[in-house]
Amino acid sequence: LAALGIGCVAISSNDANDYPEDSFENMRQV
């Protein structure tokens, strides 16, 4: 899609306190 001129962004909004796998640091690693 980037090649077609569509910019993309992914957002995580999950509560990382209850779901530590979704923490900012784990997001960086993934």
PDB file of all heavy atoms in Angstrom:
ATOM      1  N   LEU A   1       0.826  -1.207   0.000  1.00  0.00           N
ATOM      2  CA  LEU A   1       0.000   0.000   0.000  1.00  0.00           C
ATOM      3  C   LEU A   1       0.861   1.258   0.000  1.00  0.00           C
ATOM      4  O   LEU A   1       0.496   2.264  -0.624  1.00  0.00           O
ATOM      5  CB  LEU A   1      -0.957   0.000   1.191  1.00  0.00           C
ATOM      6  CG  LEU A   1      -2.103  -1.007   1.087  1.00  0.00           C
ATOM      7  CD1 LEU A   1      -2.861  -1.093   2.407  1.00  0.00           C
ATOM      8  CD2 LEU A   1      -3.038  -0.663  -0.063  1.00  0.00           C
ATOM      9  N   ALA A   2       2.004   1.226   0.673  1.00  0.00           N
ATOM     10  CA  ALA A   2       2.917   2.372   0.660  1.00  0.00           C
ATOM     11  C   ALA A   2       3.330   2.705  -0.769  1.00  0.00           C
ATOM     12  O   ALA A   2       3.424   3.880  -1.144  1.00  0.00           O
ATOM     13  CB  ALA A   2       4.137   2.095   1.538  1.00  0.00           C
ATOM     14  N   ALA A   3       3.552   1.682  -1.579  1.00  0.00           N
ATOM     15  CA  ALA A   3       3.927   1.895  -2.977  1.00  0.00           C
ATOM     16  C   ALA A   3       2.796   2.544  -3.775  1.00  0.00           C
ATOM     17  O   ALA A   3       3.041   3.154  -4.821  1.00  0.00           O
ATOM     18  CB  ALA A   3       4.347   0.574  -3.620  1.00  0.00           C
ATOM     19  N   LEU A   4       1.565   2.433  -3.270  1.00  0.00           N
ATOM     20  CA  LEU A   4       0.401   3.044  -3.927  1.00  0.00           C
ATOM     21  C   LEU A   4       0.061   4.424  -3.340  1.00  0.00           C
ATOM     22  O   LEU A   4      -0.933   5.032  -3.714  1.00  0.00           O
ATOM     23  CB  LEU A   4      -0.822   2.129  -3.790  1.00  0.00           C
ATOM     24  CG  LEU A   4      -0.739   0.775  -4.485  1.00  0.00           C
ATOM     25  CD1 LEU A   4      -1.924  -0.099  -4.105  1.00  0.00           C
ATOM     26  CD2 LEU A   4      -0.660   0.959  -5.992  1.00  0.00           C
ATOM     27  N   GLY A   5       0.874   4.899  -2.391  1.00  0.00           N
ATOM     28  CA  GLY A   5       0.649   6.213  -1.799  1.00  0.00           C
ATOM     29  C   GLY A   5      -0.223   6.215  -0.560  1.00  0.00           C
ATOM     30  O   GLY A   5      -0.686   7.264  -0.120  1.00  0.00           O
ATOM     31  N   ILE A   6      -0.449   5.041   0.025  1.00  0.00           N
ATOM     32  CA  ILE A   6      -1.230   4.938   1.258  1.00  0.00           C
ATOM     33  C   ILE A   6      -0.262   4.828   2.435  1.00  0.00           C
ATOM     34  O   ILE A   6       0.513   3.873   2.521  1.00  0.00           O
ATOM     35  CB  ILE A   6      -2.169   3.714   1.240  1.00  0.00           C
ATOM     36  CG1 ILE A   6      -3.149   3.768   0.071  1.00  0.00           C
ATOM     37  CG2 ILE A   6      -2.897   3.569   2.584  1.00  0.00           C
ATOM     38  CD1 ILE A   6      -4.206   4.844   0.162  1.00  0.00           C
ATOM     39  N   GLY A   7      -0.298   5.810   3.322  1.00  0.00           N
ATOM     40  CA  GLY A   7       0.490   5.733   4.545  1.00  0.00           C
ATOM     41  C   GLY A   7      -0.193   4.814   5.540  1.00  0.00           C
ATOM     42  O   GLY A   7      -1.423   4.725   5.577  1.00  0.00           O
ATOM     43  N   CYS A   8       0.586   4.118   6.339  1.00  0.00           N
ATOM     44  CA  CYS A   8       0.043   3.176   7.322  1.00  0.00           C
ATOM     45  C   CYS A   8       0.616   3.477   8.696  1.00  0.00           C
ATOM     46  O   CYS A   8       1.777   3.884   8.818  1.00  0.00           O
ATOM     47  CB  CYS A   8       0.383   1.732   6.934  1.00  0.00           C
ATOM     48  SG  CYS A   8      -0.314   1.203   5.366  1.00  0.00           S
ATOM     49  N   VAL A   9      -0.195   3.233   9.708  1.00  0.00           N
ATOM     50  CA  VAL A   9       0.230   3.378  11.090  1.00  0.00           C
ATOM     51  C   VAL A   9      -0.501   2.326  11.922  1.00  0.00           C
ATOM     52  O   VAL A   9      -1.659   2.019  11.653  1.00  0.00           O
ATOM     53  CB  VAL A   9      -0.055   4.805  11.629  1.00  0.00           C
ATOM     54  CG1 VAL A   9      -1.531   5.145  11.570  1.00  0.00           C
ATOM     55  CG2 VAL A   9       0.495   4.989  13.035  1.00  0.00           C
ATOM     56  N   ALA A  10       0.194   1.771  12.901  1.00  0.00           N
ATOM     57  CA  ALA A  10      -0.410   0.822  13.831  1.00  0.00           C
ATOM     58  C   ALA A  10      -0.411   1.453  15.222  1.00  0.00           C
ATOM     59  O   ALA A  10       0.569   2.082  15.626  1.00  0.00           O
ATOM     60  CB  ALA A  10       0.362  -0.490  13.846  1.00  0.00           C
ATOM     61  N   ILE A  11      -1.528   1.281  15.919  1.00  0.00           N
ATOM     62  CA  ILE A  11      -1.694   1.844  17.255  1.00  0.00           C
ATOM     63  C   ILE A  11      -2.132   0.733  18.202  1.00  0.00           C
ATOM     64  O   ILE A  11      -3.037  -0.032  17.886  1.00  0.00           O
ATOM     65  CB  ILE A  11      -2.759   2.966  17.251  1.00  0.00           C
ATOM     66  CG1 ILE A  11      -2.333   4.096  16.308  1.00  0.00           C
ATOM     67  CG2 ILE A  11      -3.003   3.495  18.666  1.00  0.00           C
ATOM     68  CD1 ILE A  11      -3.398   5.161  16.093  1.00  0.00           C
ATOM     69  N   SER A  12      -1.457   0.652  19.351  1.00  0.00           N
ATOM     70  CA  SER A  12      -1.893  -0.257  20.410  1.00  0.00           C
ATOM     71  C   SER A  12      -2.484   0.588  21.526  1.00  0.00           C
ATOM     72  O   SER A  12      -1.846   1.521  22.017  1.00  0.00           O
ATOM     73  CB  SER A  12      -0.724  -1.081  20.945  1.00  0.00           C
ATOM     74  OG  SER A  12      -1.173  -1.908  22.009  1.00  0.00           O
ATOM     75  N   SER A  13      -3.719   0.259  21.884  1.00  0.00           N
ATOM     76  CA  SER A  13      -4.425   1.000  22.934  1.00  0.00           C
ATOM     77  C   SER A  13      -4.736   0.140  24.142  1.00  0.00           C
ATOM     78  O   SER A  13      -5.431   0.591  25.057  1.00  0.00           O
ATOM     79  CB  SER A  13      -5.736   1.568  22.362  1.00  0.00           C
ATOM     80  OG  SER A  13      -5.483   2.448  21.300  1.00  0.00           O
ATOM     81  N   ASN A  14      -4.252  -1.083  24.158  1.00  0.00           N
ATOM     82  CA  ASN A  14      -4.575  -1.984  25.264  1.00  0.00           C
ATOM     83  C   ASN A  14      -3.960  -1.527  26.580  1.00  0.00           C
ATOM     84  O   ASN A  14      -2.880  -0.931  26.610  1.00  0.00           O
ATOM     85  CB  ASN A  14      -4.090  -3.403  24.958  1.00  0.00           C
ATOM     86  CG  ASN A  14      -5.058  -4.164  24.093  1.00  0.00           C
ATOM     87  OD1 ASN A  14      -6.128  -3.677  23.739  1.00  0.00           O
ATOM     88  ND2 ASN A  14      -4.678  -5.380  23.735  1.00  0.00           N
ATOM     89  N   ASP A  15      -4.638  -1.852  27.658  1.00  0.00           N
ATOM     90  CA  ASP A  15      -4.159  -1.574  29.008  1.00  0.00           C
ATOM     91  C   ASP A  15      -2.976  -2.492  29.309  1.00  0.00           C
ATOM     92  O   ASP A  15      -3.154  -3.696  29.534  1.00  0.00           O
ATOM     93  CB  ASP A  15      -5.301  -1.804  30.005  1.00  0.00           C
ATOM     94  CG  ASP A  15      -4.880  -1.584  31.442  1.00  0.00           C
ATOM     95  OD1 ASP A  15      -3.744  -1.145  31.688  1.00  0.00           O
ATOM     96  OD2 ASP A  15      -5.709  -1.869  32.333  1.00  0.00           O
ATOM     97  N   ALA A  16      -1.781  -1.934  29.289  1.00  0.00           N
ATOM     98  CA  ALA A  16      -0.571  -2.740  29.499  1.00  0.00           C
ATOM     99  C   ALA A  16      -0.406  -3.179  30.948  1.00  0.00           C
ATOM    100  O   ALA A  16       0.356  -4.110  31.220  1.00  0.00           O
ATOM    101  CB  ALA A  16       0.664  -1.964  29.041  1.00  0.00           C
ATOM    102  N   ASN A  17      -1.106  -2.542  31.881  1.00  0.00           N
ATOM    103  CA  ASN A  17      -1.032  -2.994  33.274  1.00  0.00           C
ATOM    104  C   ASN A  17      -1.647  -4.380  33.418  1.00  0.00           C
ATOM    105  O   ASN A  17      -1.096  -5.242  34.108  1.00  0.00           O
ATOM    106  CB  ASN A  17      -1.734  -2.001  34.205  1.00  0.00           C
ATOM    107  CG  ASN A  17      -0.966  -0.705  34.325  1.00  0.00           C
ATOM    108  OD1 ASN A  17       0.260  -0.686  34.265  1.00  0.00           O
ATOM    109  ND2 ASN A  17      -1.693   0.392  34.472  1.00  0.00           N
ATOM    110  N   ASP A  18      -2.786  -4.596  32.766  1.00  0.00           N
ATOM    111  CA  ASP A  18      -3.434  -5.907  32.828  1.00  0.00           C
ATOM    112  C   ASP A  18      -2.914  -6.862  31.760  1.00  0.00           C
ATOM    113  O   ASP A  18      -3.091  -8.079  31.873  1.00  0.00           O
ATOM    114  CB  ASP A  18      -4.954  -5.757  32.669  1.00  0.00           C
ATOM    115  CG  ASP A  18      -5.610  -5.203  33.932  1.00  0.00           C
ATOM    116  OD1 ASP A  18      -4.958  -5.205  35.000  1.00  0.00           O
ATOM    117  OD2 ASP A  18      -6.773  -4.768  33.846  1.00  0.00           O
ATOM    118  N   TYR A  19      -2.295  -6.325  30.712  1.00  0.00           N
ATOM    119  CA  TYR A  19      -1.783  -7.132  29.595  1.00  0.00           C
ATOM    120  C   TYR A  19      -0.339  -6.721  29.319  1.00  0.00           C
ATOM    121  O   TYR A  19      -0.049  -6.019  28.353  1.00  0.00           O
ATOM    122  CB  TYR A  19      -2.678  -6.950  28.352  1.00  0.00           C
ATOM    123  CG  TYR A  19      -4.061  -7.477  28.603  1.00  0.00           C
ATOM    124  CD1 TYR A  19      -5.032  -6.676  29.200  1.00  0.00           C
ATOM    125  CD2 TYR A  19      -4.375  -8.795  28.311  1.00  0.00           C
ATOM    126  CE1 TYR A  19      -6.293  -7.174  29.482  1.00  0.00           C
ATOM    127  CE2 TYR A  19      -5.638  -9.301  28.589  1.00  0.00           C
ATOM    128  CZ  TYR A  19      -6.589  -8.480  29.174  1.00  0.00           C
ATOM    129  OH  TYR A  19      -7.831  -8.983  29.454  1.00  0.00           O
ATOM    130  N   PRO A  20       0.609  -7.154  30.176  1.00  0.00           N
ATOM    131  CA  PRO A  20       1.998  -6.701  30.071  1.00  0.00           C
ATOM    132  C   PRO A  20       2.659  -7.046  28.734  1.00  0.00           C
ATOM    133  O   PRO A  20       3.611  -6.376  28.333  1.00  0.00           O
ATOM    134  CB  PRO A  20       2.708  -7.372  31.244  1.00  0.00           C
ATOM    135  CG  PRO A  20       1.743  -8.309  31.868  1.00  0.00           C
ATOM    136  CD  PRO A  20       0.378  -8.014  31.330  1.00  0.00           C
ATOM    137  N   GLU A  21       2.153  -8.056  28.035  1.00  0.00           N
ATOM    138  CA  GLU A  21       2.715  -8.381  26.722  1.00  0.00           C
ATOM    139  C   GLU A  21       2.535  -7.211  25.747  1.00  0.00           C
ATOM    140  O   GLU A  21       3.271  -7.076  24.778  1.00  0.00           O
ATOM    141  CB  GLU A  21       2.048  -9.642  26.164  1.00  0.00           C
ATOM    142  CG  GLU A  21       2.748 -10.211  24.952  1.00  0.00           C
ATOM    143  CD  GLU A  21       2.138 -11.524  24.496  1.00  0.00           C
ATOM    144  OE1 GLU A  21       1.434 -12.178  25.288  1.00  0.00           O
ATOM    145  OE2 GLU A  21       2.377 -11.890  23.333  1.00  0.00           O
ATOM    146  N   ASP A  22       1.572  -6.322  26.043  1.00  0.00           N
ATOM    147  CA  ASP A  22       1.302  -5.172  25.196  1.00  0.00           C
ATOM    148  C   ASP A  22       1.981  -3.892  25.683  1.00  0.00           C
ATOM    149  O   ASP A  22       1.634  -2.790  25.248  1.00  0.00           O
ATOM    150  CB  ASP A  22      -0.215  -4.948  25.094  1.00  0.00           C
ATOM    151  CG  ASP A  22      -0.905  -6.087  24.358  1.00  0.00           C
ATOM    152  OD1 ASP A  22      -0.268  -6.723  23.500  1.00  0.00           O
ATOM    153  OD2 ASP A  22      -2.093  -6.330  24.646  1.00  0.00           O
ATOM    154  N   SER A  23       2.961  -4.023  26.557  1.00  0.00           N
ATOM    155  CA  SER A  23       3.675  -2.849  27.064  1.00  0.00           C
ATOM    156  C   SER A  23       4.455  -2.175  25.939  1.00  0.00           C
ATOM    157  O   SER A  23       4.750  -2.778  24.898  1.00  0.00           O
ATOM    158  CB  SER A  23       4.644  -3.251  28.178  1.00  0.00           C
ATOM    159  OG  SER A  23       5.756  -3.943  27.617  1.00  0.00           O
ATOM    160  N   PHE A  24       4.805  -0.917  26.176  1.00  0.00           N
ATOM    161  CA  PHE A  24       5.558  -0.142  25.179  1.00  0.00           C
ATOM    162  C   PHE A  24       6.874  -0.834  24.831  1.00  0.00           C
ATOM    163  O   PHE A  24       7.247  -0.919  23.662  1.00  0.00           O
ATOM    164  CB  PHE A  24       5.783   1.277  25.707  1.00  0.00           C
ATOM    165  CG  PHE A  24       6.316   2.224  24.682  1.00  0.00           C
ATOM    166  CD1 PHE A  24       5.516   2.663  23.642  1.00  0.00           C
ATOM    167  CD2 PHE A  24       7.620   2.682  24.759  1.00  0.00           C
ATOM    168  CE1 PHE A  24       5.994   3.548  22.692  1.00  0.00           C
ATOM    169  CE2 PHE A  24       8.114   3.569  23.815  1.00  0.00           C
ATOM    170  CZ  PHE A  24       7.304   4.000  22.785  1.00  0.00           C
ATOM    171  N   GLU A  25       7.569  -1.328  25.843  1.00  0.00           N
ATOM    172  CA  GLU A  25       8.849  -2.016  25.578  1.00  0.00           C
ATOM    173  C   GLU A  25       8.628  -3.274  24.740  1.00  0.00           C
ATOM    174  O   GLU A  25       9.395  -3.559  23.813  1.00  0.00           O
ATOM    175  CB  GLU A  25       9.559  -2.358  26.889  1.00  0.00           C
ATOM    176  CG  GLU A  25      10.924  -2.995  26.687  1.00  0.00           C
ATOM    177  CD  GLU A  25      11.874  -2.186  25.798  1.00  0.00           C
ATOM    178  OE1 GLU A  25      11.912  -0.946  25.898  1.00  0.00           O
ATOM    179  OE2 GLU A  25      12.575  -2.810  24.959  1.00  0.00           O
ATOM    180  N   ASN A  26       7.600  -4.031  25.045  1.00  0.00           N
ATOM    181  CA  ASN A  26       7.308  -5.222  24.242  1.00  0.00           C
ATOM    182  C   ASN A  26       6.847  -4.854  22.840  1.00  0.00           C
ATOM    183  O   ASN A  26       7.128  -5.577  21.877  1.00  0.00           O
ATOM    184  CB  ASN A  26       6.284  -6.102  24.945  1.00  0.00           C
ATOM    185  CG  ASN A  26       6.889  -6.836  26.121  1.00  0.00           C
ATOM    186  OD1 ASN A  26       8.078  -7.132  26.140  1.00  0.00           O
ATOM    187  ND2 ASN A  26       6.082  -7.113  27.126  1.00  0.00           N
ATOM    188  N   MET A  27       6.135  -3.727  22.700  1.00  0.00           N
ATOM    189  CA  MET A  27       5.784  -3.241  21.364  1.00  0.00           C
ATOM    190  C   MET A  27       7.046  -2.976  20.547  1.00  0.00           C
ATOM    191  O   MET A  27       7.132  -3.344  19.371  1.00  0.00           O
ATOM    192  CB  MET A  27       4.962  -1.943  21.460  1.00  0.00           C
ATOM    193  CG  MET A  27       3.560  -2.103  21.975  1.00  0.00           C
ATOM    194  SD  MET A  27       2.768  -0.488  22.281  1.00  0.00           S
ATOM    195  CE  MET A  27       2.906   0.304  20.675  1.00  0.00           C
ATOM    196  N   ARG A  28       8.025  -2.334  21.175  1.00  0.00           N
ATOM    197  CA  ARG A  28       9.295  -2.028  20.504  1.00  0.00           C
ATOM    198  C   ARG A  28       9.968  -3.325  20.042  1.00  0.00           C
ATOM    199  O   ARG A  28      10.443  -3.423  18.901  1.00  0.00           O
ATOM    200  CB  ARG A  28      10.207  -1.256  21.451  1.00  0.00           C
ATOM    201  CG  ARG A  28      11.570  -0.918  20.837  1.00  0.00           C
ATOM    202  CD  ARG A  28      12.468  -0.140  21.789  1.00  0.00           C
ATOM    203  NE  ARG A  28      11.946   1.206  21.977  1.00  0.00           N
ATOM    204  CZ  ARG A  28      11.546   1.722  23.138  1.00  0.00           C
ATOM    205  NH1 ARG A  28      11.614   1.005  24.236  1.00  0.00           N
ATOM    206  NH2 ARG A  28      11.084   2.950  23.219  1.00  0.00           N
ATOM    207  N   GLN A  29       9.990  -4.318  20.905  1.00  0.00           N
ATOM    208  CA  GLN A  29      10.627  -5.586  20.549  1.00  0.00           C
ATOM    209  C   GLN A  29       9.931  -6.262  19.369  1.00  0.00           C
ATOM    210  O   GLN A  29      10.596  -6.745  18.449  1.00  0.00           O
ATOM    211  CB  GLN A  29      10.660  -6.517  21.759  1.00  0.00           C
ATOM    212  CG  GLN A  29      11.594  -6.067  22.851  1.00  0.00           C
ATOM    213  CD  GLN A  29      11.494  -6.913  24.115  1.00  0.00           C
ATOM    214  OE1 GLN A  29      10.757  -7.901  24.167  1.00  0.00           O
ATOM    215  NE2 GLN A  29      12.217  -6.528  25.152  1.00  0.00           N
ATOM    216  N   VAL A  30       8.599  -6.279  19.377  1.00  0.00           N
ATOM    217  CA  VAL A  30       7.842  -6.903  18.292  1.00  0.00           C
ATOM    218  C   VAL A  30       8.077  -6.151  16.984  1.00  0.00           C
ATOM    219  O   VAL A  30       8.286  -6.763  15.934  1.00  0.00           O
ATOM    220  CB  VAL A  30       6.338  -6.988  18.651  1.00  0.00           C
ATOM    221  CG1 VAL A  30       5.497  -7.330  17.429  1.00  0.00           C
ATOM    222  CG2 VAL A  30       6.127  -8.013  19.751  1.00  0.00           C
TER     223      VAL A  30
END
